[in-house]
Amino acid sequence: MATDNEIMYAMMNGISFGGAKKEKKENPNKVKTKARIKSYKTGAHGSGAAKHKAEIKKRVQNRPSQRKG
C-alpha cells in the first residue's frame, strides 16, 4: 500500500501514465498529403478505380442541373 507521502505527492502533482511522446523525424523528400490526395482524386496515380471515380465526378459536374449560371 502507498505511504502518506506518496499519496500526498500524487494529489499535489498528479499521476502520469505512460512515457513522454517521441518526436517524429520528417523525411524532406516526402510528398505532402494535399498533393497526394489531389492525385488520388483525379486518378493521376494510375489506379483504375480512381480514374473511374474521377470520370464519374466529372460527368456529374458537367450535368446541366449541376452547372451554375
N, C-alpha and C. Protein backbone atom coordinates (compact mmCIF):
# COMPACT_ATOMS: atom_id res chain seq x y z
N MET A 1 0.84 -1.18 0.00
CA MET A 1 0.00 0.00 0.00
C MET A 1 0.89 1.24 0.00
N ALA A 2 0.36 2.34 -0.51
CA ALA A 2 1.13 3.58 -0.63
C ALA A 2 1.21 4.29 0.72
N THR A 3 2.34 4.95 0.92
CA THR A 3 2.52 5.71 2.16
C THR A 3 1.80 7.04 2.05
N ASP A 4 1.70 7.72 3.19
CA ASP A 4 1.03 9.03 3.20
C ASP A 4 1.77 10.03 2.32
N ASN A 5 3.11 9.95 2.32
CA ASN A 5 3.89 10.88 1.49
C ASN A 5 3.61 10.64 0.01
N GLU A 6 3.52 9.39 -0.41
CA GLU A 6 3.24 9.07 -1.81
C GLU A 6 1.86 9.54 -2.22
N ILE A 7 0.90 9.37 -1.34
CA ILE A 7 -0.48 9.81 -1.62
C ILE A 7 -0.53 11.32 -1.74
N MET A 8 0.14 12.02 -0.82
CA MET A 8 0.15 13.48 -0.85
C MET A 8 0.83 13.98 -2.13
N TYR A 9 1.95 13.35 -2.51
CA TYR A 9 2.66 13.73 -3.74
C TYR A 9 1.77 13.54 -4.96
N ALA A 10 1.03 12.42 -5.00
CA ALA A 10 0.14 12.16 -6.13
C ALA A 10 -0.99 13.18 -6.18
N MET A 11 -1.50 13.58 -5.03
CA MET A 11 -2.58 14.56 -5.02
C MET A 11 -2.09 15.94 -5.44
N MET A 12 -0.88 16.30 -5.07
CA MET A 12 -0.37 17.63 -5.38
C MET A 12 0.18 17.71 -6.81
N ASN A 13 0.82 16.64 -7.28
CA ASN A 13 1.49 16.69 -8.58
C ASN A 13 0.79 15.89 -9.67
N GLY A 14 -0.15 15.08 -9.32
CA GLY A 14 -0.85 14.28 -10.30
C GLY A 14 -0.11 12.99 -10.60
N ILE A 15 -0.75 12.13 -11.36
CA ILE A 15 -0.18 10.84 -11.73
C ILE A 15 0.01 10.83 -13.24
N SER A 16 1.18 10.42 -13.69
CA SER A 16 1.48 10.37 -15.11
C SER A 16 1.52 8.92 -15.56
N PHE A 17 0.69 8.56 -16.51
CA PHE A 17 0.67 7.20 -17.05
C PHE A 17 1.35 7.22 -18.41
N GLY A 18 2.29 6.34 -18.62
CA GLY A 18 2.97 6.25 -19.92
C GLY A 18 4.15 7.18 -20.01
N GLY A 19 4.96 6.97 -21.02
CA GLY A 19 6.16 7.76 -21.21
C GLY A 19 5.90 9.01 -22.01
N ALA A 20 6.96 9.77 -22.21
CA ALA A 20 6.87 11.00 -22.98
C ALA A 20 6.71 10.67 -24.46
N LYS A 21 6.07 11.54 -25.20
CA LYS A 21 5.87 11.32 -26.62
C LYS A 21 7.19 11.53 -27.35
N LYS A 22 7.44 10.67 -28.32
CA LYS A 22 8.66 10.76 -29.11
C LYS A 22 8.44 11.70 -30.29
N GLU A 23 9.48 12.44 -30.65
CA GLU A 23 9.38 13.33 -31.80
C GLU A 23 9.52 12.53 -33.08
N LYS A 24 8.73 12.87 -34.07
CA LYS A 24 8.79 12.19 -35.36
C LYS A 24 9.81 12.90 -36.24
N LYS A 25 10.59 12.12 -36.96
CA LYS A 25 11.53 12.70 -37.90
C LYS A 25 10.85 12.81 -39.26
N GLU A 26 10.85 14.01 -39.81
CA GLU A 26 10.21 14.25 -41.09
C GLU A 26 11.19 13.94 -42.22
N ASN A 27 10.71 13.26 -43.23
CA ASN A 27 11.53 12.97 -44.40
C ASN A 27 11.40 14.16 -45.36
N PRO A 28 12.50 14.83 -45.70
CA PRO A 28 12.40 16.02 -46.56
C PRO A 28 11.94 15.69 -47.99
N ASN A 29 12.07 14.43 -48.41
CA ASN A 29 11.68 14.05 -49.77
C ASN A 29 10.23 13.58 -49.85
N LYS A 30 9.54 13.57 -48.73
CA LYS A 30 8.18 13.05 -48.69
C LYS A 30 7.21 14.03 -49.36
N VAL A 31 6.27 13.48 -50.11
CA VAL A 31 5.26 14.31 -50.78
C VAL A 31 4.21 14.72 -49.75
N LYS A 32 3.80 15.96 -49.80
CA LYS A 32 2.81 16.45 -48.86
C LYS A 32 1.46 15.78 -49.10
N THR A 33 0.68 15.65 -48.05
CA THR A 33 -0.59 14.93 -48.11
C THR A 33 -1.56 15.56 -49.10
N LYS A 34 -1.61 16.89 -49.15
CA LYS A 34 -2.56 17.55 -50.02
C LYS A 34 -2.31 17.19 -51.48
N ALA A 35 -1.04 17.13 -51.86
CA ALA A 35 -0.71 16.79 -53.24
C ALA A 35 -1.09 15.35 -53.54
N ARG A 36 -0.83 14.45 -52.59
CA ARG A 36 -1.16 13.05 -52.82
C ARG A 36 -2.68 12.86 -52.93
N ILE A 37 -3.41 13.53 -52.08
CA ILE A 37 -4.87 13.39 -52.11
C ILE A 37 -5.41 13.88 -53.45
N LYS A 38 -4.88 15.00 -53.95
CA LYS A 38 -5.35 15.52 -55.24
C LYS A 38 -5.09 14.52 -56.35
N SER A 39 -3.90 13.88 -56.34
CA SER A 39 -3.60 12.93 -57.40
C SER A 39 -4.52 11.72 -57.32
N TYR A 40 -4.86 11.30 -56.10
CA TYR A 40 -5.79 10.17 -55.98
C TYR A 40 -7.18 10.55 -56.47
N LYS A 41 -7.62 11.76 -56.13
CA LYS A 41 -8.96 12.18 -56.54
C LYS A 41 -9.08 12.32 -58.05
N THR A 42 -8.01 12.76 -58.71
CA THR A 42 -8.07 12.95 -60.15
C THR A 42 -7.70 11.70 -60.92
N GLY A 43 -7.23 10.67 -60.22
CA GLY A 43 -6.86 9.43 -60.88
C GLY A 43 -5.49 9.48 -61.52
N ALA A 44 -4.67 10.46 -61.15
CA ALA A 44 -3.37 10.65 -61.78
C ALA A 44 -2.34 9.61 -61.35
N HIS A 45 -2.60 8.88 -60.27
CA HIS A 45 -1.60 7.93 -59.78
C HIS A 45 -1.68 6.57 -60.46
N GLY A 46 -2.63 6.39 -61.39
CA GLY A 46 -2.66 5.18 -62.20
C GLY A 46 -3.66 4.12 -61.77
N SER A 47 -4.38 4.33 -60.68
CA SER A 47 -5.36 3.35 -60.23
C SER A 47 -6.59 3.40 -61.12
N GLY A 48 -7.02 2.26 -61.59
CA GLY A 48 -8.20 2.20 -62.44
C GLY A 48 -9.45 2.66 -61.73
N ALA A 49 -9.57 2.29 -60.45
CA ALA A 49 -10.75 2.67 -59.68
C ALA A 49 -10.81 4.19 -59.50
N ALA A 50 -9.66 4.81 -59.23
CA ALA A 50 -9.63 6.27 -59.04
C ALA A 50 -9.95 6.98 -60.35
N LYS A 51 -9.44 6.47 -61.46
CA LYS A 51 -9.74 7.08 -62.76
C LYS A 51 -11.23 6.99 -63.05
N HIS A 52 -11.83 5.85 -62.72
CA HIS A 52 -13.26 5.66 -62.94
C HIS A 52 -14.07 6.63 -62.08
N LYS A 53 -13.69 6.77 -60.80
CA LYS A 53 -14.40 7.69 -59.92
C LYS A 53 -14.24 9.13 -60.38
N ALA A 54 -13.03 9.49 -60.86
CA ALA A 54 -12.79 10.84 -61.34
C ALA A 54 -13.65 11.12 -62.57
N GLU A 55 -13.78 10.13 -63.43
CA GLU A 55 -14.60 10.29 -64.63
C GLU A 55 -16.07 10.50 -64.24
N ILE A 56 -16.56 9.74 -63.29
CA ILE A 56 -17.94 9.88 -62.84
C ILE A 56 -18.16 11.27 -62.25
N LYS A 57 -17.22 11.74 -61.40
CA LYS A 57 -17.36 13.07 -60.81
C LYS A 57 -17.37 14.16 -61.88
N LYS A 58 -16.55 13.98 -62.90
CA LYS A 58 -16.51 14.96 -63.99
C LYS A 58 -17.83 15.00 -64.73
N ARG A 59 -18.43 13.82 -64.97
CA ARG A 59 -19.73 13.77 -65.67
C ARG A 59 -20.82 14.42 -64.83
N VAL A 60 -20.78 14.20 -63.51
CA VAL A 60 -21.79 14.80 -62.63
C VAL A 60 -21.67 16.31 -62.65
N GLN A 61 -20.43 16.82 -62.61
CA GLN A 61 -20.22 18.26 -62.62
C GLN A 61 -20.66 18.91 -63.93
N ASN A 62 -20.60 18.16 -65.03
CA ASN A 62 -20.96 18.71 -66.33
C ASN A 62 -22.45 18.60 -66.65
N ARG A 63 -23.22 18.02 -65.77
CA ARG A 63 -24.67 17.94 -66.00
C ARG A 63 -25.26 19.34 -65.98
N PRO A 64 -26.27 19.58 -66.81
CA PRO A 64 -26.89 20.91 -66.82
C PRO A 64 -27.47 21.29 -65.46
N SER A 65 -27.97 20.32 -64.71
CA SER A 65 -28.57 20.64 -63.40
C SER A 65 -27.50 21.03 -62.37
N GLN A 66 -26.25 20.69 -62.61
CA GLN A 66 -25.19 20.99 -61.66
C GLN A 66 -24.41 22.27 -62.02
N ARG A 67 -24.64 22.79 -63.20
CA ARG A 67 -23.90 23.99 -63.63
C ARG A 67 -24.48 25.22 -62.98
N LYS A 68 -23.61 26.16 -62.64
CA LYS A 68 -24.06 27.44 -62.10
C LYS A 68 -24.19 28.43 -63.24
N GLY A 69 -25.14 29.27 -63.14
CA GLY A 69 -25.23 30.31 -64.13
C GLY A 69 -26.50 30.38 -64.77
